[in-house]
Amino acid sequence: MSEFTKSKTTSVFVTLLIGLIVLSFMFTGYQSMQAGSPNAIGKVGDLPIKSEEYQQEYNRQIEFYKQMMGGEISAKQLEGMKLKESTLRNLIQRKLMIHFATDLGAYPSDEEIKAEIKSLPYFLTNGQFDINRYKGLLAANRLTPIEFEADVVNQIKMKSTQALVSNFPLSKGYMADLQKIRDEKLNAEIVQISKNSLRNFVEVSPAELTAFMAVETNQKRLQSMFNERKASLDKPEEVKARHILLMTQGKDEAKVKAEIEKIEKLVTVANFSKMADKYTEDPSGKGKGGDLGSFGKGRMVPEFDTAAFSQKPGTISAPIKTQYGYHLLLVESKSAGHVATFPEFKDKFAKELIQKDKVEEIKKLTVDISNGLRKALESNNEKEVKALTEKYKLQYSKGSVNRLDGVSTGTTLTAENMKELFSGDLTKPQIHLYDDGGSIVMIKTTPGAVAPDANEQAKVASDNAGLKNALSRKMMEQVLKKLEEDTKVKIYSNMIQE
């Protein structure tokens, strides 16, 4: 999304700096703000957590899960993901990192701060740091250089601290002992079963649906569900578009207007993408043909929004003036909106409620699927395993597991699970089942493959580097855990908005 979207959406700096700096960019101003002020939703020690930080991190996680799940997320799904808790956890850990860095005396020099800022590609013009572009982008995001530079100081402090932890010296003997633990490796075939999702596969007969609908209180439940979810069920009118932006911040506006008018005479529908890559000053569209993707009404600033939804598909606008500069807009296509109605969804919601109450049927289905998977895994019937996982939309993966790193596929196992996994005869195939109440993880383990002799030295070096990284991560986890125990953390729950 482009930088001229309304401030309620993710800010351009979130998009630009994620991955560039070790931890995501934080909007602050903390030096002039007292903890506990209306703008703070909590504090970690003497460092406040600003409401902007919370909303930014919350939005970032929503966008991440939207991409993972391939579309919109309902309010119920958001509740199940516990994004509020994970957002607060991330923000608390960032503040703890700043405390840790401060305690270590990791203060960057003026030269380091300048070098960090000047290295950011978004402030460069023809490969050189552009002070006007720097001030313009900050102004567009309602930031002063002092506020931004204070955040850069924190980022450098945290990067320095992480570098210190990652380079912590470890003895060769210690590394060798840990490598022995890592070498105790098993191949793993893993299936994860979400009990909650299995309810969708429990049959509901027409007679059950009719009987359910006949109860007045059930009708009220259905109407309540529809009212709660309606916002996510409505399909707003959307526009798919590209644009070319020439920014006016810190520039002679008349010259910018003359330049956009010159480009307007050269651009066509056919060459728009190529011209956008050449001329646009919107960083998020550079190299993407000025692509804005699809967006609904109200996502863009008013002048741009009005033009986008009134313009015919396949046409290019005259220059559009907004607070960010001058735009040329190509509307590629439009999709009509649709307002959801209760009759469209009442049967679906009724089936959902009936399935939820079929506890015994869900239990039986869970047992049947588990037994079928166990039988297929024991007989090495991969075709049957895949058939079951596809039928019931289960997560299926192959990987490896060792005592130090856990499961390579990212499957989470407890310490007790790992202990049980590596007990018994590791030279023979084993089937393990772990049930945490909400989900089941079934793992088939077989002896790990012996590493080949070729390039063994390079492999050892690579493994040692990975081992040191793993130890650094674990060390940092312990540091943060200790810091949290020793640091007063307070959250003002009434200040949090989602």
Protein backbone atom coordinates (compact mmCIF):
# COMPACT_ATOMS: atom_id res chain seq x y z
CA MET A 1 0.00 0.00 0.00
CA SER A 2 1.26 3.45 -0.86
CA GLU A 3 2.44 6.05 1.61
CA PHE A 4 -0.54 8.37 1.06
CA THR A 5 -3.08 6.00 2.60
CA LYS A 6 -4.89 7.32 5.65
CA SER A 7 -3.03 7.23 8.95
CA LYS A 8 -5.42 4.57 10.25
CA THR A 9 -3.68 2.05 7.98
CA THR A 10 -0.13 0.80 8.39
CA SER A 11 2.33 3.70 8.00
CA VAL A 12 4.76 3.78 5.13
CA PHE A 13 7.69 3.48 7.50
CA VAL A 14 6.36 0.19 8.80
CA THR A 15 6.40 -1.14 5.24
CA LEU A 16 9.76 0.36 4.37
CA LEU A 17 11.84 -0.49 7.41
CA ILE A 18 10.60 -3.96 8.35
CA GLY A 19 13.56 -6.26 7.80
CA LEU A 20 15.99 -3.39 7.25
CA ILE A 21 16.46 -2.68 10.93
CA VAL A 22 16.64 -5.63 13.33
CA LEU A 23 13.40 -4.82 15.12
CA SER A 24 10.44 -3.16 13.43
CA PHE A 25 10.36 0.64 13.42
CA MET A 26 8.70 2.22 16.45
CA PHE A 27 6.94 5.57 16.40
CA THR A 28 8.04 7.24 19.62
CA GLY A 29 8.67 10.68 21.02
CA TYR A 30 9.24 9.04 24.37
CA GLN A 31 11.72 11.64 25.59
CA SER A 32 9.02 14.27 25.85
CA MET A 33 6.24 12.01 27.13
CA GLN A 34 5.53 10.98 30.71
CA ALA A 35 4.70 7.30 31.22
CA GLY A 36 1.06 6.92 32.11
CA SER A 37 0.03 9.82 29.88
CA PRO A 38 -3.11 9.38 27.69
CA ASN A 39 -0.90 8.35 24.78
CA ALA A 40 0.62 5.38 26.64
CA ILE A 41 -1.01 1.97 26.94
CA GLY A 42 1.60 0.76 29.39
CA LYS A 43 5.21 0.99 30.46
CA VAL A 44 8.21 -1.29 30.90
CA GLY A 45 10.38 0.11 33.63
CA ASP A 46 10.57 3.80 32.78
CA LEU A 47 9.91 3.29 29.03
CA PRO A 48 6.32 3.89 27.87
CA ILE A 49 4.56 1.79 25.24
CA LYS A 50 2.76 4.29 23.01
CA SER A 51 -0.68 3.61 21.59
CA GLU A 52 0.77 4.19 18.09
CA GLU A 53 3.30 1.41 18.71
CA TYR A 54 0.59 -0.97 19.82
CA GLN A 55 -1.68 -0.21 16.86
CA GLN A 56 1.23 -0.45 14.42
CA GLU A 57 2.34 -3.85 15.72
CA TYR A 58 -1.27 -5.10 15.88
CA ASN A 59 -1.89 -4.04 12.26
CA ARG A 60 1.41 -5.61 11.17
CA GLN A 61 0.37 -8.96 12.63
CA ILE A 62 -3.08 -8.76 11.02
CA GLU A 63 -1.49 -8.09 7.61
CA PHE A 64 0.94 -10.98 8.16
CA TYR A 65 -1.88 -13.43 8.90
CA LYS A 66 -3.96 -12.11 5.99
CA GLN A 67 -1.09 -12.99 3.65
CA MET A 68 -0.63 -16.37 5.33
CA MET A 69 -4.35 -17.19 5.06
CA GLY A 70 -4.85 -15.65 1.63
CA GLY A 71 -7.53 -13.07 2.41
CA GLU A 72 -9.64 -11.36 5.04
CA ILE A 73 -9.78 -12.56 8.66
CA SER A 74 -13.01 -12.66 10.66
CA ALA A 75 -13.38 -11.20 14.15
CA LYS A 76 -13.70 -14.75 15.50
CA GLN A 77 -10.46 -15.82 13.85
CA LEU A 78 -8.67 -12.76 15.22
CA GLU A 79 -9.88 -13.63 18.71
CA GLY A 80 -8.59 -17.18 18.37
CA MET A 81 -5.15 -15.96 17.25
CA LYS A 82 -4.75 -13.94 20.46
CA LEU A 83 -3.14 -11.07 18.58
CA LYS A 84 -3.60 -8.71 21.51
CA GLU A 85 -1.41 -10.90 23.71
CA SER A 86 1.28 -11.47 21.06
CA THR A 87 1.34 -7.75 20.20
CA LEU A 88 1.92 -6.80 23.82
CA ARG A 89 4.56 -9.54 24.17
CA ASN A 90 6.52 -8.21 21.18
CA LEU A 91 6.38 -4.62 22.43
CA ILE A 92 7.40 -5.57 25.97
CA GLN A 93 10.39 -7.52 24.65
CA ARG A 94 11.50 -4.56 22.53
CA LYS A 95 11.43 -2.29 25.58
CA LEU A 96 13.32 -4.89 27.61
CA MET A 97 15.94 -4.99 24.86
CA ILE A 98 16.35 -1.22 25.13
CA HIS A 99 16.78 -1.56 28.91
CA PHE A 100 19.36 -4.29 28.42
CA ALA A 101 21.27 -2.27 25.84
CA THR A 102 21.24 0.77 28.11
CA ASP A 103 22.54 -1.28 31.05
CA LEU A 104 25.39 -2.54 28.84
CA GLY A 105 26.25 1.04 27.84
CA ALA A 106 25.60 0.38 24.15
CA TYR A 107 25.35 4.04 23.16
CA PRO A 108 26.06 4.77 19.47
CA SER A 109 28.25 7.68 18.45
CA ASP A 110 26.95 10.60 16.38
CA GLU A 111 28.88 9.17 13.42
CA GLU A 112 27.14 5.79 13.74
CA ILE A 113 23.72 7.45 13.88
CA LYS A 114 24.43 9.54 10.80
CA ALA A 115 25.84 6.55 8.92
CA GLU A 116 22.76 4.44 9.73
CA ILE A 117 20.34 7.11 8.51
CA LYS A 118 22.36 7.88 5.39
CA SER A 119 22.44 4.19 4.50
CA LEU A 120 18.65 3.91 4.27
CA PRO A 121 17.75 3.74 0.55
CA TYR A 122 14.51 5.68 1.02
CA PHE A 123 16.44 8.86 1.73
CA LEU A 124 18.70 8.58 -1.32
CA THR A 125 18.52 10.42 -4.61
CA ASN A 126 20.83 9.04 -7.31
CA GLY A 127 22.68 7.08 -4.64
CA GLN A 128 23.30 10.11 -2.42
CA PHE A 129 21.64 11.09 0.86
CA ASP A 130 19.01 13.76 0.12
CA ILE A 131 18.27 15.99 3.11
CA ASN A 132 15.11 17.37 1.49
CA ARG A 133 13.80 13.87 0.81
CA TYR A 134 14.66 12.90 4.39
CA LYS A 135 12.71 15.82 5.87
CA GLY A 136 9.88 15.38 3.39
CA LEU A 137 9.29 11.71 4.19
CA LEU A 138 9.43 12.40 7.92
CA ALA A 139 6.97 15.29 7.58
CA ALA A 140 4.63 13.08 5.54
CA ASN A 141 4.52 10.69 8.50
CA ARG A 142 4.19 13.45 11.13
CA LEU A 143 7.67 12.83 12.54
CA THR A 144 10.38 15.28 13.45
CA PRO A 145 14.05 14.48 12.77
CA ILE A 146 14.62 14.43 16.56
CA GLU A 147 11.93 11.76 17.05
CA PHE A 148 13.15 9.65 14.15
CA GLU A 149 16.80 9.90 15.17
CA ALA A 150 15.88 8.91 18.75
CA ASP A 151 14.36 5.72 17.33
CA VAL A 152 17.46 5.07 15.22
CA VAL A 153 19.54 5.34 18.42
CA ASN A 154 17.39 2.59 19.99
CA GLN A 155 17.65 0.40 16.91
CA ILE A 156 21.45 0.69 16.85
CA LYS A 157 21.64 -0.03 20.58
CA MET A 158 19.56 -3.18 20.13
CA LYS A 159 21.52 -4.33 17.08
CA SER A 160 24.79 -3.86 18.98
CA THR A 161 23.42 -5.84 21.92
CA GLN A 162 22.25 -8.66 19.70
CA ALA A 163 25.63 -8.74 17.99
CA LEU A 164 27.30 -8.99 21.40
CA VAL A 165 25.11 -11.93 22.39
CA SER A 166 25.55 -13.68 19.02
CA ASN A 167 29.36 -13.39 19.30
CA PHE A 168 29.53 -14.61 22.87
CA PRO A 169 32.66 -16.83 23.11
CA LEU A 170 32.04 -20.54 23.53
CA SER A 171 34.71 -23.14 24.24
CA LYS A 172 35.50 -25.81 21.67
CA GLY A 173 34.69 -28.50 24.23
CA TYR A 174 31.29 -26.99 24.94
CA MET A 175 30.56 -26.72 21.23
CA ALA A 176 31.64 -30.32 20.69
CA ASP A 177 29.36 -31.58 23.47
CA LEU A 178 26.41 -29.66 22.10
CA GLN A 179 27.14 -30.91 18.60
CA LYS A 180 26.86 -34.47 19.91
CA ILE A 181 23.39 -33.62 21.18
CA ARG A 182 22.46 -32.08 17.85
CA ASP A 183 23.80 -35.11 15.97
CA GLU A 184 21.22 -37.25 17.74
CA LYS A 185 18.77 -36.68 14.93
CA LEU A 186 15.61 -38.41 13.72
CA ASN A 187 13.68 -38.15 10.49
CA ALA A 188 10.11 -37.06 11.16
CA GLU A 189 6.78 -37.37 9.36
CA ILE A 190 4.30 -35.03 11.08
CA VAL A 191 0.52 -34.60 10.98
CA GLN A 192 -1.25 -31.92 13.01
CA ILE A 193 -4.98 -32.20 13.75
CA SER A 194 -7.00 -29.19 14.91
CA LYS A 195 -10.01 -30.53 16.80
CA ASN A 196 -11.84 -27.24 16.35
CA SER A 197 -11.64 -27.45 12.54
CA LEU A 198 -12.87 -31.06 12.49
CA ARG A 199 -16.37 -29.92 13.49
CA ASN A 200 -16.77 -28.70 9.90
CA PHE A 201 -16.75 -32.34 8.77
CA VAL A 202 -19.51 -33.48 11.11
CA GLU A 203 -22.70 -34.17 9.13
CA VAL A 204 -25.85 -32.09 9.73
CA SER A 205 -29.07 -33.48 8.23
CA PRO A 206 -31.83 -31.33 6.68
CA ALA A 207 -34.14 -32.49 9.49
CA GLU A 208 -31.68 -31.25 12.15
CA LEU A 209 -31.40 -27.92 10.35
CA THR A 210 -35.19 -27.54 10.17
CA ALA A 211 -35.65 -28.42 13.85
CA PHE A 212 -32.95 -25.94 14.86
CA MET A 213 -34.50 -23.13 12.81
CA ALA A 214 -37.91 -23.75 14.37
CA VAL A 215 -36.67 -22.61 17.81
CA GLU A 216 -37.13 -18.86 18.31
CA THR A 217 -34.07 -18.45 20.57
CA ASN A 218 -31.93 -20.07 17.86
CA GLN A 219 -33.16 -17.50 15.34
CA LYS A 220 -32.00 -14.77 17.72
CA ARG A 221 -28.59 -16.46 18.08
CA LEU A 222 -28.23 -16.60 14.31
CA GLN A 223 -29.19 -12.95 13.90
CA SER A 224 -26.66 -12.00 16.57
CA MET A 225 -23.92 -13.98 14.78
CA PHE A 226 -24.77 -12.27 11.52
CA ASN A 227 -24.72 -8.81 13.08
CA GLU A 228 -21.34 -9.51 14.66
CA ARG A 229 -19.76 -10.77 11.43
CA LYS A 230 -21.53 -8.59 8.91
CA ALA A 231 -18.62 -6.18 8.47
CA SER A 232 -16.36 -9.04 7.33
CA LEU A 233 -19.10 -10.56 5.14
CA ASP A 234 -19.81 -7.37 3.19
CA LYS A 235 -17.77 -7.04 0.01
CA PRO A 236 -16.94 -3.38 -0.62
CA GLU A 237 -16.53 -1.89 -4.07
CA GLU A 238 -12.85 -2.08 -4.99
CA VAL A 239 -10.54 -0.46 -7.49
CA LYS A 240 -7.34 -2.00 -8.88
CA ALA A 241 -4.95 0.78 -9.86
CA ARG A 242 -1.41 2.07 -10.44
CA HIS A 243 -0.05 5.55 -9.94
CA ILE A 244 2.92 7.81 -10.48
CA LEU A 245 3.67 10.16 -7.58
CA LEU A 246 5.92 13.21 -7.60
CA MET A 247 6.31 14.43 -4.02
CA THR A 248 6.13 18.14 -3.16
CA GLN A 249 7.60 18.10 0.35
CA GLY A 250 10.68 20.32 0.44
CA LYS A 251 10.33 21.17 -3.26
CA ASP A 252 9.11 24.04 -5.46
CA GLU A 253 5.48 23.00 -6.01
CA ALA A 254 5.17 24.81 -9.33
CA LYS A 255 8.14 22.87 -10.71
CA VAL A 256 6.68 19.59 -9.50
CA LYS A 257 3.36 20.39 -11.16
CA ALA A 258 5.13 21.26 -14.42
CA GLU A 259 7.05 17.98 -14.27
CA ILE A 260 3.92 15.84 -13.70
CA GLU A 261 2.20 17.61 -16.61
CA LYS A 262 5.19 16.80 -18.80
CA ILE A 263 4.96 13.10 -17.79
CA GLU A 264 1.20 13.16 -18.40
CA LYS A 265 1.84 13.89 -22.11
CA LEU A 266 4.19 10.90 -22.40
CA VAL A 267 2.31 8.24 -20.44
CA THR A 268 -0.17 5.77 -21.97
CA VAL A 269 -2.08 2.76 -20.65
CA ALA A 270 0.43 0.50 -22.42
CA ASN A 271 3.59 2.12 -21.03
CA PHE A 272 2.24 3.18 -17.61
CA SER A 273 4.10 0.51 -15.61
CA LYS A 274 7.40 1.30 -17.29
CA MET A 275 6.91 5.05 -16.78
CA ALA A 276 5.95 4.51 -13.13
CA ASP A 277 9.18 2.60 -12.47
CA LYS A 278 11.09 5.47 -14.05
CA TYR A 279 9.38 8.45 -12.46
CA THR A 280 7.36 7.57 -9.33
CA GLU A 281 8.70 8.75 -5.97
CA ASP A 282 6.46 6.43 -3.99
CA PRO A 283 8.99 3.86 -2.63
CA SER A 284 6.38 1.11 -2.31
CA GLY A 285 5.55 1.34 -6.04
CA LYS A 286 9.08 1.69 -7.39
CA GLY A 287 10.04 -1.43 -9.31
CA LYS A 288 6.40 -2.59 -9.26
CA GLY A 289 5.06 -0.34 -11.98
CA GLY A 290 3.40 1.91 -9.42
CA ASP A 291 1.07 -0.95 -8.47
CA LEU A 292 -1.35 -0.13 -5.63
CA GLY A 293 -3.17 -3.45 -5.74
CA SER A 294 -6.89 -3.42 -4.95
CA PHE A 295 -8.41 -1.11 -2.35
CA GLY A 296 -11.85 -0.15 -1.08
CA LYS A 297 -13.39 3.25 -0.49
CA GLY A 298 -11.92 5.26 2.35
CA ARG A 299 -8.47 3.65 2.21
CA MET A 300 -6.86 6.53 0.33
CA VAL A 301 -6.73 10.24 1.08
CA PRO A 302 -9.97 12.00 -0.06
CA GLU A 303 -8.76 13.59 -3.33
CA PHE A 304 -7.20 10.34 -4.54
CA ASP A 305 -10.15 8.25 -3.32
CA THR A 306 -12.69 10.39 -5.18
CA ALA A 307 -10.72 10.21 -8.43
CA ALA A 308 -10.16 6.45 -8.20
CA PHE A 309 -13.84 5.57 -7.73
CA SER A 310 -15.21 8.03 -10.28
CA GLN A 311 -12.73 7.22 -13.04
CA LYS A 312 -13.49 4.66 -15.78
CA PRO A 313 -11.35 1.48 -15.95
CA GLY A 314 -8.62 1.63 -18.58
CA THR A 315 -8.13 5.40 -18.30
CA ILE A 316 -5.44 7.68 -16.92
CA SER A 317 -6.34 10.70 -14.80
CA ALA A 318 -5.19 14.29 -15.07
CA PRO A 319 -2.71 15.22 -12.31
CA ILE A 320 -4.31 14.79 -8.87
CA LYS A 321 -3.08 17.07 -6.07
CA THR A 322 -2.93 15.60 -2.54
CA GLN A 323 -1.00 16.51 0.60
CA TYR A 324 1.83 14.28 -0.64
CA GLY A 325 2.26 15.72 -4.11
CA TYR A 326 0.92 15.17 -7.63
CA HIS A 327 -0.33 11.81 -8.90
CA LEU A 328 -1.18 10.29 -12.26
CA LEU A 329 -3.67 7.48 -11.73
CA LEU A 330 -4.35 4.48 -13.97
CA VAL A 331 -7.52 2.60 -13.00
CA GLU A 332 -7.09 -0.95 -14.30
CA SER A 333 -10.38 -2.48 -13.14
CA LYS A 334 -13.27 -2.18 -10.71
CA SER A 335 -15.25 -4.78 -8.79
CA ALA A 336 -18.77 -4.09 -7.57
CA GLY A 337 -19.50 -4.27 -3.87
CA HIS A 338 -22.08 -6.50 -2.22
CA VAL A 339 -23.94 -5.99 1.07
CA ALA A 340 -24.39 -9.27 2.94
CA THR A 341 -27.92 -10.23 3.98
CA PHE A 342 -29.12 -12.47 6.80
CA PRO A 343 -30.96 -15.00 4.55
CA GLU A 344 -27.71 -15.64 2.64
CA PHE A 345 -25.88 -16.84 5.76
CA LYS A 346 -28.45 -18.14 8.25
CA ASP A 347 -28.24 -21.79 7.08
CA LYS A 348 -24.44 -21.68 7.18
CA PHE A 349 -24.44 -20.23 10.71
CA ALA A 350 -27.09 -22.70 11.88
CA LYS A 351 -24.99 -25.61 10.62
CA GLU A 352 -21.95 -24.14 12.41
CA LEU A 353 -23.82 -23.96 15.74
CA ILE A 354 -25.23 -27.47 15.39
CA GLN A 355 -21.77 -28.88 14.58
CA LYS A 356 -20.26 -27.09 17.57
CA ASP A 357 -22.69 -28.88 19.90
CA LYS A 358 -21.94 -32.33 18.45
CA VAL A 359 -19.19 -33.03 20.97
CA GLU A 360 -19.40 -36.83 20.85
CA GLU A 361 -19.39 -36.90 17.04
CA ILE A 362 -16.29 -34.70 16.97
CA LYS A 363 -14.55 -36.96 19.50
CA LYS A 364 -15.40 -40.04 17.42
CA LEU A 365 -14.19 -38.39 14.21
CA THR A 366 -10.94 -37.38 15.94
CA VAL A 367 -10.35 -40.96 17.09
CA ASP A 368 -11.19 -42.40 13.65
CA ILE A 369 -8.81 -40.01 11.87
CA SER A 370 -6.04 -40.67 14.43
CA ASN A 371 -6.42 -44.42 14.06
CA GLY A 372 -6.45 -44.16 10.26
CA LEU A 373 -3.30 -42.04 10.25
CA ARG A 374 -1.50 -44.34 12.66
CA LYS A 375 -2.32 -47.38 10.51
CA ALA A 376 -1.17 -45.58 7.33
CA LEU A 377 2.06 -44.35 8.92
CA GLU A 378 2.89 -47.76 10.38
CA SER A 379 2.43 -49.42 6.97
CA ASN A 380 4.38 -46.65 5.14
CA ASN A 381 1.25 -45.92 3.09
CA GLU A 382 2.08 -42.33 2.17
CA LYS A 383 -0.77 -42.22 -0.37
CA GLU A 384 -3.32 -42.91 2.39
CA VAL A 385 -1.68 -40.37 4.74
CA LYS A 386 -1.96 -37.67 2.07
CA ALA A 387 -5.54 -38.69 1.26
CA LEU A 388 -6.58 -38.27 4.90
CA THR A 389 -4.75 -34.97 5.33
CA GLU A 390 -6.28 -33.56 2.15
CA LYS A 391 -9.79 -34.78 2.99
CA TYR A 392 -9.78 -33.24 6.47
CA LYS A 393 -7.47 -30.30 5.65
CA LEU A 394 -4.78 -31.37 8.14
CA GLN A 395 -1.21 -30.06 8.24
CA TYR A 396 1.25 -32.64 6.90
CA SER A 397 5.00 -32.22 6.64
CA LYS A 398 8.29 -34.07 6.55
CA GLY A 399 11.46 -32.94 8.25
CA SER A 400 13.88 -33.81 11.00
CA VAL A 401 14.11 -33.39 14.75
CA ASN A 402 17.08 -33.19 17.12
CA ARG A 403 17.40 -32.59 20.84
CA LEU A 404 18.82 -29.09 20.46
CA ASP A 405 16.81 -27.42 17.69
CA GLY A 406 13.53 -29.31 17.95
CA VAL A 407 11.45 -30.01 14.83
CA SER A 408 12.73 -28.52 11.57
CA THR A 409 9.20 -27.86 10.28
CA GLY A 410 8.44 -25.47 13.14
CA THR A 411 6.06 -27.83 14.96
CA THR A 412 6.09 -26.94 18.66
CA LEU A 413 6.79 -29.70 21.16
CA THR A 414 7.14 -29.40 24.93
CA ALA A 415 10.23 -30.51 26.83
CA GLU A 416 8.29 -33.58 28.00
CA ASN A 417 7.31 -34.36 24.39
CA MET A 418 10.97 -34.15 23.30
CA LYS A 419 12.08 -36.37 26.16
CA GLU A 420 9.54 -39.02 25.18
CA LEU A 421 10.40 -38.66 21.49
CA PHE A 422 14.05 -39.61 22.12
CA SER A 423 13.33 -42.43 24.57
CA GLY A 424 13.22 -46.08 23.63
CA ASP A 425 14.96 -47.72 20.68
CA LEU A 426 15.87 -44.91 18.23
CA THR A 427 17.06 -47.41 15.63
CA LYS A 428 13.47 -48.46 14.90
CA PRO A 429 10.46 -46.50 13.56
CA GLN A 430 8.23 -45.06 16.29
CA ILE A 431 4.77 -43.44 16.29
CA HIS A 432 4.20 -40.68 18.85
CA LEU A 433 0.93 -38.86 19.61
CA TYR A 434 0.68 -35.65 21.65
CA ASP A 435 -2.70 -34.20 22.62
CA ASP A 436 -2.84 -30.74 24.23
CA GLY A 437 -6.64 -30.61 24.34
CA GLY A 438 -7.15 -28.34 21.35
CA SER A 439 -4.99 -30.18 18.84
CA ILE A 440 -3.17 -33.45 18.22
CA VAL A 441 0.33 -33.86 16.82
CA MET A 442 1.19 -37.31 15.42
CA ILE A 443 4.83 -37.94 14.55
CA LYS A 444 6.44 -40.93 12.95
CA THR A 445 10.21 -41.01 13.61
CA THR A 446 12.85 -43.06 11.84
CA PRO A 447 16.65 -43.10 12.32
CA GLY A 448 18.32 -39.96 10.95
CA ALA A 449 20.39 -40.25 7.78
CA VAL A 450 24.18 -40.36 8.19
CA ALA A 451 25.86 -37.24 6.82
CA PRO A 452 27.97 -37.84 3.69
CA ASP A 453 31.77 -37.60 3.88
CA ALA A 454 32.03 -35.08 1.03
CA ASN A 455 32.56 -31.49 2.15
CA GLU A 456 32.36 -32.64 5.76
CA GLN A 457 34.56 -29.77 6.95
CA ALA A 458 32.29 -27.18 5.36
CA LYS A 459 29.28 -28.91 6.85
CA VAL A 460 30.77 -28.87 10.34
CA ALA A 461 31.59 -25.18 10.02
CA SER A 462 28.06 -24.47 8.87
CA ASP A 463 26.58 -26.56 11.68
CA ASN A 464 28.75 -24.80 14.25
CA ALA A 465 27.61 -21.42 12.99
CA GLY A 466 24.01 -22.56 13.19
CA LEU A 467 24.63 -23.98 16.64
CA LYS A 468 26.06 -20.69 17.86
CA ASN A 469 23.02 -18.89 16.45
CA ALA A 470 20.70 -21.30 18.23
CA LEU A 471 22.58 -20.80 21.50
CA SER A 472 22.48 -17.03 21.03
CA ARG A 473 18.72 -17.17 20.58
CA LYS A 474 18.30 -19.28 23.69
CA MET A 475 20.64 -17.00 25.61
CA MET A 476 18.65 -13.95 24.55
CA GLU A 477 15.43 -15.69 25.60
CA GLN A 478 16.92 -16.25 29.05
CA VAL A 479 18.17 -12.66 29.24
CA LEU A 480 14.72 -11.29 28.35
CA LYS A 481 13.07 -13.65 30.81
CA LYS A 482 15.37 -12.46 33.60
CA LEU A 483 14.88 -8.82 32.62
CA GLU A 484 11.12 -9.22 32.73
CA GLU A 485 11.35 -10.75 36.20
CA ASP A 486 13.43 -7.80 37.40
CA THR A 487 11.59 -5.01 35.53
CA LYS A 488 8.21 -3.62 36.48
CA VAL A 489 5.80 -4.06 33.57
CA LYS A 490 2.43 -2.34 33.70
CA ILE A 491 -0.28 -2.41 31.01
CA TYR A 492 -3.24 -0.01 31.03
CA SER A 493 -5.81 -2.38 29.55
CA ASN A 494 -8.49 0.31 29.32
CA MET A 495 -6.25 2.26 26.88
CA ILE A 496 -5.91 -0.58 24.38
CA GLN A 497 -8.00 -0.38 21.24
CA GLU A 498 -8.12 -3.05 18.58
